[in-house]
Amino acid sequence: MDKVWMVVLAITISCSASSQQNFEIISSDQLGILEAEKDDLIFLDVRTPREVSAGHIKDALLIDFRSPKFTEEIKNLDRKRSYVVYCASGIRSNKAMQIMKDLGFKEVYDLSGGYKSYVGKHE
């Protein structure tokens, strides 16, 4: 009987470990640390095309939060990848992070201060 409980416990632990999610609001300084730890981060810019035309993070995916197709476009992304979401001030990116959480994404970070905080520290 003890062996059965050990197997059940092992399965439970492995299932909970594989379903761990990480959703955080991070500062520009924390982003620097995260970039050093993870080389596969995907930046997701949820600003409008007009905002993006003034500048954006190189290689960022651009999905306008205000677009009626926003959720559909987010659904097409790989839920197992790690994302850093940003906008102008943090309101839309935080909402986007919550949508991604609800859709089953595993790891999403919201860049506090948005694009301006990134440019000030990283470019």
Foldseek 3Di string as FASTA:
>chain_A
DVVVVVVVVVVVVVVCVVLAAAEEADELVVVVVVVVVDVFEAEAEQDDPVVCVVDDDPRHHYHHLPDPCRLVVLLPDDLAGAYEYFYQAQPSSVVVSVSSVVSRRGHYYYYHNGPVRNVVPPD
